[in-house]
Amino acid sequence: GGVQPRSGRALGCPVRIQDADGQLDLQTFSLEGWFRAASGSKGWRALFSKGYGTINGRNAYSFALYINDFNEISAWFCTKGANGEIVTHEQKVMGDYSICDGQWHYVSLVVNGAKHMAHLFVDFNQDGSPSWRVQYDLGGELVYNSDEPLVLGGNNLSSWQYCGEIDEVRLSDSIINAADTALKIRSG
């Protein structure tokens, strides 16, 4: 994609990629990586998030993706509604297996700004289909607090920090193809 590499700084997790110019305030993007949550992780843990602020009296993210030990992934999105109002969305999805099992899992969030849709992929089967796929209707364009960083393994509140390993994280300003990604994963 066309997003320029950004340096992050970290002492363990989280990694904050500064975005004072708002270049990472993308309406269409793919954010993917490998995550291995520490065995026995309890409670909510943030994989990644962008932006933080108080909107309509509530804490809100432009987008955030959390996991917990109850086989759940929770996605938060903050979008503009039909009348220009700001709407927060939370989608909780139960899986057939736990992502907090101490094994490596591939996680990808793909946002299509033109269609106001987001797709979440977790791992892939031998036939190239995602082991776990969820689609979200965003209902509008993402709303950003432009100067907030992109945070890997946490959020800007220093709460719900991820405990584990993260590898090969990629951010692109385009939509990735799940089948191509599955082929790359199977081929190592």
C-alpha atoms as a PDB file:
ATOM      1  CA  GLY A   1       0.000   0.000   0.000  1.00  0.00           C
ATOM      2  CA  GLY A   2       0.904   3.651  -0.026  1.00  0.00           C
ATOM      3  CA  VAL A   3       1.225   4.227   3.729  1.00  0.00           C
ATOM      4  CA  GLN A   4       4.798   5.141   4.568  1.00  0.00           C
ATOM      5  CA  PRO A   5       6.560   3.146   7.284  1.00  0.00           C
ATOM      6  CA  ARG A   6       6.422   4.763  10.714  1.00  0.00           C
ATOM      7  CA  SER A   7       8.753   4.132  13.556  1.00  0.00           C
ATOM      8  CA  GLY A   8       7.234   3.056  16.830  1.00  0.00           C
ATOM      9  CA  ARG A   9       8.741   3.074  20.268  1.00  0.00           C
ATOM     10  CA  ALA A  10       8.150   0.450  22.870  1.00  0.00           C
ATOM     11  CA  LEU A  11       9.439  -1.166  25.976  1.00  0.00           C
ATOM     12  CA  GLY A  12       7.547  -4.399  25.498  1.00  0.00           C
ATOM     13  CA  CYS A  13       3.927  -3.590  24.707  1.00  0.00           C
ATOM     14  CA  PRO A  14       2.190  -1.455  23.701  1.00  0.00           C
ATOM     15  CA  VAL A  15       3.808   0.088  20.629  1.00  0.00           C
ATOM     16  CA  ARG A  16       2.547   3.583  19.777  1.00  0.00           C
ATOM     17  CA  ILE A  17       2.977   4.783  16.197  1.00  0.00           C
ATOM     18  CA  GLN A  18       2.647   8.556  16.311  1.00  0.00           C
ATOM     19  CA  ASP A  19       0.270  10.183  13.810  1.00  0.00           C
ATOM     20  CA  ALA A  20       0.297  13.930  14.466  1.00  0.00           C
ATOM     21  CA  ASP A  21      -0.315  14.653  10.755  1.00  0.00           C
ATOM     22  CA  GLY A  22      -3.317  12.298  10.539  1.00  0.00           C
ATOM     23  CA  GLN A  23      -1.792  10.272   7.702  1.00  0.00           C
ATOM     24  CA  LEU A  24      -3.064   7.062   9.317  1.00  0.00           C
ATOM     25  CA  ASP A  25      -6.671   8.295   9.549  1.00  0.00           C
ATOM     26  CA  LEU A  26      -7.697   5.920   6.772  1.00  0.00           C
ATOM     27  CA  GLN A  27     -11.215   5.078   5.586  1.00  0.00           C
ATOM     28  CA  THR A  28     -10.005   2.050   3.599  1.00  0.00           C
ATOM     29  CA  PHE A  29      -7.209  -0.059   5.055  1.00  0.00           C
ATOM     30  CA  SER A  30      -5.965  -3.504   6.038  1.00  0.00           C
ATOM     31  CA  LEU A  31      -4.278  -4.081   9.373  1.00  0.00           C
ATOM     32  CA  GLU A  32      -2.935  -7.576   9.931  1.00  0.00           C
ATOM     33  CA  GLY A  33      -0.473  -9.452  12.082  1.00  0.00           C
ATOM     34  CA  TRP A  34       0.357 -12.516  14.106  1.00  0.00           C
ATOM     35  CA  PHE A  35      -0.577 -12.637  17.782  1.00  0.00           C
ATOM     36  CA  ARG A  36       0.265 -15.182  20.477  1.00  0.00           C
ATOM     37  CA  ALA A  37      -1.455 -14.242  23.702  1.00  0.00           C
ATOM     38  CA  ALA A  38       0.209 -15.543  26.820  1.00  0.00           C
ATOM     39  CA  SER A  39      -1.396 -18.755  28.084  1.00  0.00           C
ATOM     40  CA  GLY A  40      -3.661 -18.021  30.973  1.00  0.00           C
ATOM     41  CA  SER A  41      -4.333 -14.419  29.905  1.00  0.00           C
ATOM     42  CA  LYS A  42      -7.434 -13.238  31.703  1.00  0.00           C
ATOM     43  CA  GLY A  43      -9.885 -10.482  30.856  1.00  0.00           C
ATOM     44  CA  TRP A  44      -9.907  -8.102  27.896  1.00  0.00           C
ATOM     45  CA  ARG A  45      -6.708  -7.449  25.910  1.00  0.00           C
ATOM     46  CA  ALA A  46      -6.309  -4.904  23.090  1.00  0.00           C
ATOM     47  CA  LEU A  47      -4.713  -6.156  19.866  1.00  0.00           C
ATOM     48  CA  PHE A  48      -4.749  -2.714  18.245  1.00  0.00           C
ATOM     49  CA  SER A  49      -6.582   0.598  18.384  1.00  0.00           C
ATOM     50  CA  LYS A  50      -6.569   4.022  16.753  1.00  0.00           C
ATOM     51  CA  GLY A  51      -7.727   7.207  18.369  1.00  0.00           C
ATOM     52  CA  TYR A  52      -9.324   7.865  21.692  1.00  0.00           C
ATOM     53  CA  GLY A  53     -11.622  10.516  23.005  1.00  0.00           C
ATOM     54  CA  THR A  54     -14.943  11.270  24.647  1.00  0.00           C
ATOM     55  CA  ILE A  55     -17.789  11.393  22.145  1.00  0.00           C
ATOM     56  CA  ASN A  56     -21.433  11.864  23.157  1.00  0.00           C
ATOM     57  CA  GLY A  57     -20.265  11.519  26.756  1.00  0.00           C
ATOM     58  CA  ARG A  58     -18.754   8.085  26.118  1.00  0.00           C
ATOM     59  CA  ASN A  59     -15.213   6.850  25.650  1.00  0.00           C
ATOM     60  CA  ALA A  60     -14.798   6.101  21.944  1.00  0.00           C
ATOM     61  CA  TYR A  61     -12.246   4.733  19.495  1.00  0.00           C
ATOM     62  CA  SER A  62     -12.020   5.321  15.777  1.00  0.00           C
ATOM     63  CA  PHE A  63     -11.494   1.573  15.777  1.00  0.00           C
ATOM     64  CA  ALA A  64     -10.198  -0.984  18.244  1.00  0.00           C
ATOM     65  CA  LEU A  65      -9.994  -4.756  18.382  1.00  0.00           C
ATOM     66  CA  TYR A  66      -9.972  -6.649  21.690  1.00  0.00           C
ATOM     67  CA  ILE A  67      -9.794 -10.297  22.674  1.00  0.00           C
ATOM     68  CA  ASN A  68     -10.590 -12.011  25.926  1.00  0.00           C
ATOM     69  CA  ASP A  69     -10.232 -15.428  27.505  1.00  0.00           C
ATOM     70  CA  PHE A  70     -13.901 -16.277  26.897  1.00  0.00           C
ATOM     71  CA  ASN A  71     -13.379 -16.923  23.144  1.00  0.00           C
ATOM     72  CA  GLU A  72     -14.570 -13.428  22.291  1.00  0.00           C
ATOM     73  CA  ILE A  73     -13.348 -10.748  19.933  1.00  0.00           C
ATOM     74  CA  SER A  74     -14.821  -7.304  20.388  1.00  0.00           C
ATOM     75  CA  ALA A  75     -14.541  -4.606  17.728  1.00  0.00           C
ATOM     76  CA  TRP A  76     -15.261  -0.951  18.471  1.00  0.00           C
ATOM     77  CA  PHE A  77     -15.911   1.601  15.731  1.00  0.00           C
ATOM     78  CA  CYS A  78     -16.825   5.272  15.858  1.00  0.00           C
ATOM     79  CA  THR A  79     -18.615   6.530  12.731  1.00  0.00           C
ATOM     80  CA  LYS A  80     -20.686   9.416  11.403  1.00  0.00           C
ATOM     81  CA  GLY A  81     -24.407   8.732  11.331  1.00  0.00           C
ATOM     82  CA  ALA A  82     -26.866   9.697   8.599  1.00  0.00           C
ATOM     83  CA  ASN A  83     -27.419  13.163  10.103  1.00  0.00           C
ATOM     84  CA  GLY A  84     -23.727  13.780  10.856  1.00  0.00           C
ATOM     85  CA  GLU A  85     -24.017  12.641  14.466  1.00  0.00           C
ATOM     86  CA  ILE A  86     -21.231  10.489  15.877  1.00  0.00           C
ATOM     87  CA  VAL A  87     -22.220   6.903  16.627  1.00  0.00           C
ATOM     88  CA  THR A  88     -20.238   4.325  18.600  1.00  0.00           C
ATOM     89  CA  HIS A  89     -20.567   0.645  17.714  1.00  0.00           C
ATOM     90  CA  GLU A  90     -19.458  -2.410  19.652  1.00  0.00           C
ATOM     91  CA  GLN A  91     -19.573  -5.845  18.074  1.00  0.00           C
ATOM     92  CA  LYS A  92     -18.880  -8.865  20.277  1.00  0.00           C
ATOM     93  CA  VAL A  93     -18.409 -12.182  18.560  1.00  0.00           C
ATOM     94  CA  MET A  94     -17.968 -15.580  20.157  1.00  0.00           C
ATOM     95  CA  GLY A  95     -15.638 -18.040  18.444  1.00  0.00           C
ATOM     96  CA  ASP A  96     -15.401 -21.815  18.407  1.00  0.00           C
ATOM     97  CA  TYR A  97     -11.962 -21.715  20.001  1.00  0.00           C
ATOM     98  CA  SER A  98      -9.955 -19.392  22.191  1.00  0.00           C
ATOM     99  CA  ILE A  99      -7.419 -17.013  20.727  1.00  0.00           C
ATOM    100  CA  CYS A 100      -5.877 -16.897  24.225  1.00  0.00           C
ATOM    101  CA  ASP A 101      -4.543 -20.469  23.954  1.00  0.00           C
ATOM    102  CA  GLY A 102      -0.811 -19.686  23.777  1.00  0.00           C
ATOM    103  CA  GLN A 103      -0.672 -20.466  20.034  1.00  0.00           C
ATOM    104  CA  TRP A 104       0.069 -18.106  17.125  1.00  0.00           C
ATOM    105  CA  HIS A 105      -3.051 -16.689  15.422  1.00  0.00           C
ATOM    106  CA  TYR A 106      -3.271 -14.556  12.306  1.00  0.00           C
ATOM    107  CA  VAL A 107      -5.691 -11.632  12.765  1.00  0.00           C
ATOM    108  CA  SER A 108      -6.697  -9.191  10.035  1.00  0.00           C
ATOM    109  CA  LEU A 109      -9.063  -6.222  10.102  1.00  0.00           C
ATOM    110  CA  VAL A 110     -10.042  -5.026   6.619  1.00  0.00           C
ATOM    111  CA  VAL A 111     -12.090  -1.824   6.317  1.00  0.00           C
ATOM    112  CA  ASN A 112     -13.753  -0.855   3.042  1.00  0.00           C
ATOM    113  CA  GLY A 113     -14.596   2.834   3.368  1.00  0.00           C
ATOM    114  CA  ALA A 114     -16.528   3.000   0.098  1.00  0.00           C
ATOM    115  CA  LYS A 115     -18.956   0.316   1.298  1.00  0.00           C
ATOM    116  CA  HIS A 116     -18.800   1.259   4.999  1.00  0.00           C
ATOM    117  CA  MET A 117     -17.984  -2.352   5.827  1.00  0.00           C
ATOM    118  CA  ALA A 118     -15.347  -4.028   7.973  1.00  0.00           C
ATOM    119  CA  HIS A 119     -14.260  -7.651   7.836  1.00  0.00           C
ATOM    120  CA  LEU A 120     -12.405  -9.538  10.539  1.00  0.00           C
ATOM    121  CA  PHE A 121     -10.447 -12.668   9.643  1.00  0.00           C
ATOM    122  CA  VAL A 122      -8.824 -15.048  12.141  1.00  0.00           C
ATOM    123  CA  ASP A 123      -6.597 -17.884  10.893  1.00  0.00           C
ATOM    124  CA  PHE A 124      -7.283 -19.920   7.745  1.00  0.00           C
ATOM    125  CA  ASN A 125      -8.366 -23.484   6.972  1.00  0.00           C
ATOM    126  CA  GLN A 126      -6.607 -25.741   4.472  1.00  0.00           C
ATOM    127  CA  ASP A 127      -9.158 -24.824   1.785  1.00  0.00           C
ATOM    128  CA  GLY A 128      -8.211 -21.152   2.093  1.00  0.00           C
ATOM    129  CA  SER A 129     -11.354 -20.067   3.943  1.00  0.00           C
ATOM    130  CA  PRO A 130     -10.936 -18.120   7.193  1.00  0.00           C
ATOM    131  CA  SER A 131     -11.378 -20.198  10.345  1.00  0.00           C
ATOM    132  CA  TRP A 132     -13.314 -17.294  11.792  1.00  0.00           C
ATOM    133  CA  ARG A 133     -14.800 -14.473   9.735  1.00  0.00           C
ATOM    134  CA  VAL A 134     -17.042 -11.655  10.858  1.00  0.00           C
ATOM    135  CA  GLN A 135     -18.494  -8.769   8.866  1.00  0.00           C
ATOM    136  CA  TYR A 136     -19.500  -5.446  10.404  1.00  0.00           C
ATOM    137  CA  ASP A 137     -21.762  -2.787   8.917  1.00  0.00           C
ATOM    138  CA  LEU A 138     -20.086   0.461   9.947  1.00  0.00           C
ATOM    139  CA  GLY A 139     -23.042   2.541   8.806  1.00  0.00           C
ATOM    140  CA  GLY A 140     -20.844   5.515   7.889  1.00  0.00           C
ATOM    141  CA  GLU A 141     -17.291   6.764   7.667  1.00  0.00           C
ATOM    142  CA  LEU A 142     -14.862   6.365  10.537  1.00  0.00           C
ATOM    143  CA  VAL A 143     -14.396   9.409  12.753  1.00  0.00           C
ATOM    144  CA  TYR A 144     -10.844  10.079  13.891  1.00  0.00           C
ATOM    145  CA  ASN A 145      -9.136  12.087  16.599  1.00  0.00           C
ATOM    146  CA  SER A 146      -6.390  12.867  14.111  1.00  0.00           C
ATOM    147  CA  ASP A 147      -3.443  13.386  16.428  1.00  0.00           C
ATOM    148  CA  GLU A 148      -3.894  10.101  18.290  1.00  0.00           C
ATOM    149  CA  PRO A 149      -1.391   7.288  17.623  1.00  0.00           C
ATOM    150  CA  LEU A 150      -2.062   3.845  16.239  1.00  0.00           C
ATOM    151  CA  VAL A 151      -1.444   1.521  19.177  1.00  0.00           C
ATOM    152  CA  LEU A 152      -0.411  -2.110  18.815  1.00  0.00           C
ATOM    153  CA  GLY A 153      -0.944  -4.299  21.856  1.00  0.00           C
ATOM    154  CA  GLY A 154      -2.921  -1.771  23.838  1.00  0.00           C
ATOM    155  CA  ASN A 155      -4.823   1.472  23.785  1.00  0.00           C
ATOM    156  CA  ASN A 156      -4.124   5.078  24.705  1.00  0.00           C
ATOM    157  CA  LEU A 157      -5.545   4.634  28.189  1.00  0.00           C
ATOM    158  CA  SER A 158      -2.903   2.090  29.231  1.00  0.00           C
ATOM    159  CA  SER A 159      -5.704  -0.293  30.103  1.00  0.00           C
ATOM    160  CA  TRP A 160      -6.512  -3.752  28.760  1.00  0.00           C
ATOM    161  CA  GLN A 161      -2.895  -4.144  27.645  1.00  0.00           C
ATOM    162  CA  TYR A 162      -2.026  -7.182  25.570  1.00  0.00           C
ATOM    163  CA  CYS A 163       0.217  -9.778  27.172  1.00  0.00           C
ATOM    164  CA  GLY A 164       2.041 -11.965  24.665  1.00  0.00           C
ATOM    165  CA  GLU A 165       3.923 -11.721  21.392  1.00  0.00           C
ATOM    166  CA  ILE A 166       3.177  -9.802  18.182  1.00  0.00           C
ATOM    167  CA  ASP A 167       4.913 -10.422  14.873  1.00  0.00           C
ATOM    168  CA  GLU A 168       4.796  -9.198  11.260  1.00  0.00           C
ATOM    169  CA  VAL A 169       2.210  -6.466  11.681  1.00  0.00           C
ATOM    170  CA  ARG A 170       1.325  -4.724   8.417  1.00  0.00           C
ATOM    171  CA  LEU A 171      -0.798  -1.655   7.713  1.00  0.00           C
ATOM    172  CA  SER A 172      -1.840  -0.958   4.141  1.00  0.00           C
ATOM    173  CA  ASP A 173      -4.113   1.701   2.652  1.00  0.00           C
ATOM    174  CA  SER A 174      -5.711  -0.948   0.452  1.00  0.00           C
ATOM    175  CA  ILE A 175      -7.866  -4.040   0.877  1.00  0.00           C
ATOM    176  CA  ILE A 176      -6.054  -7.341   1.212  1.00  0.00           C
ATOM    177  CA  ASN A 177      -7.343 -10.510  -0.437  1.00  0.00           C
ATOM    178  CA  ALA A 178      -8.083 -13.201   2.152  1.00  0.00           C
ATOM    179  CA  ALA A 179      -7.430 -16.081  -0.268  1.00  0.00           C
ATOM    180  CA  ASP A 180      -4.004 -14.679  -1.199  1.00  0.00           C
ATOM    181  CA  THR A 181      -3.191 -14.240   2.462  1.00  0.00           C
ATOM    182  CA  ALA A 182      -4.238 -17.830   3.204  1.00  0.00           C
ATOM    183  CA  LEU A 183      -1.955 -19.084   0.434  1.00  0.00           C
ATOM    184  CA  LYS A 184       0.964 -17.113   1.860  1.00  0.00           C
ATOM    185  CA  ILE A 185       0.277 -18.452   5.352  1.00  0.00           C
ATOM    186  CA  ARG A 186       0.119 -22.079   4.150  1.00  0.00           C
ATOM    187  CA  SER A 187       3.346 -21.649   2.162  1.00  0.00           C
ATOM    188  CA  GLY A 188       5.154 -20.260   5.203  1.00  0.00           C
END
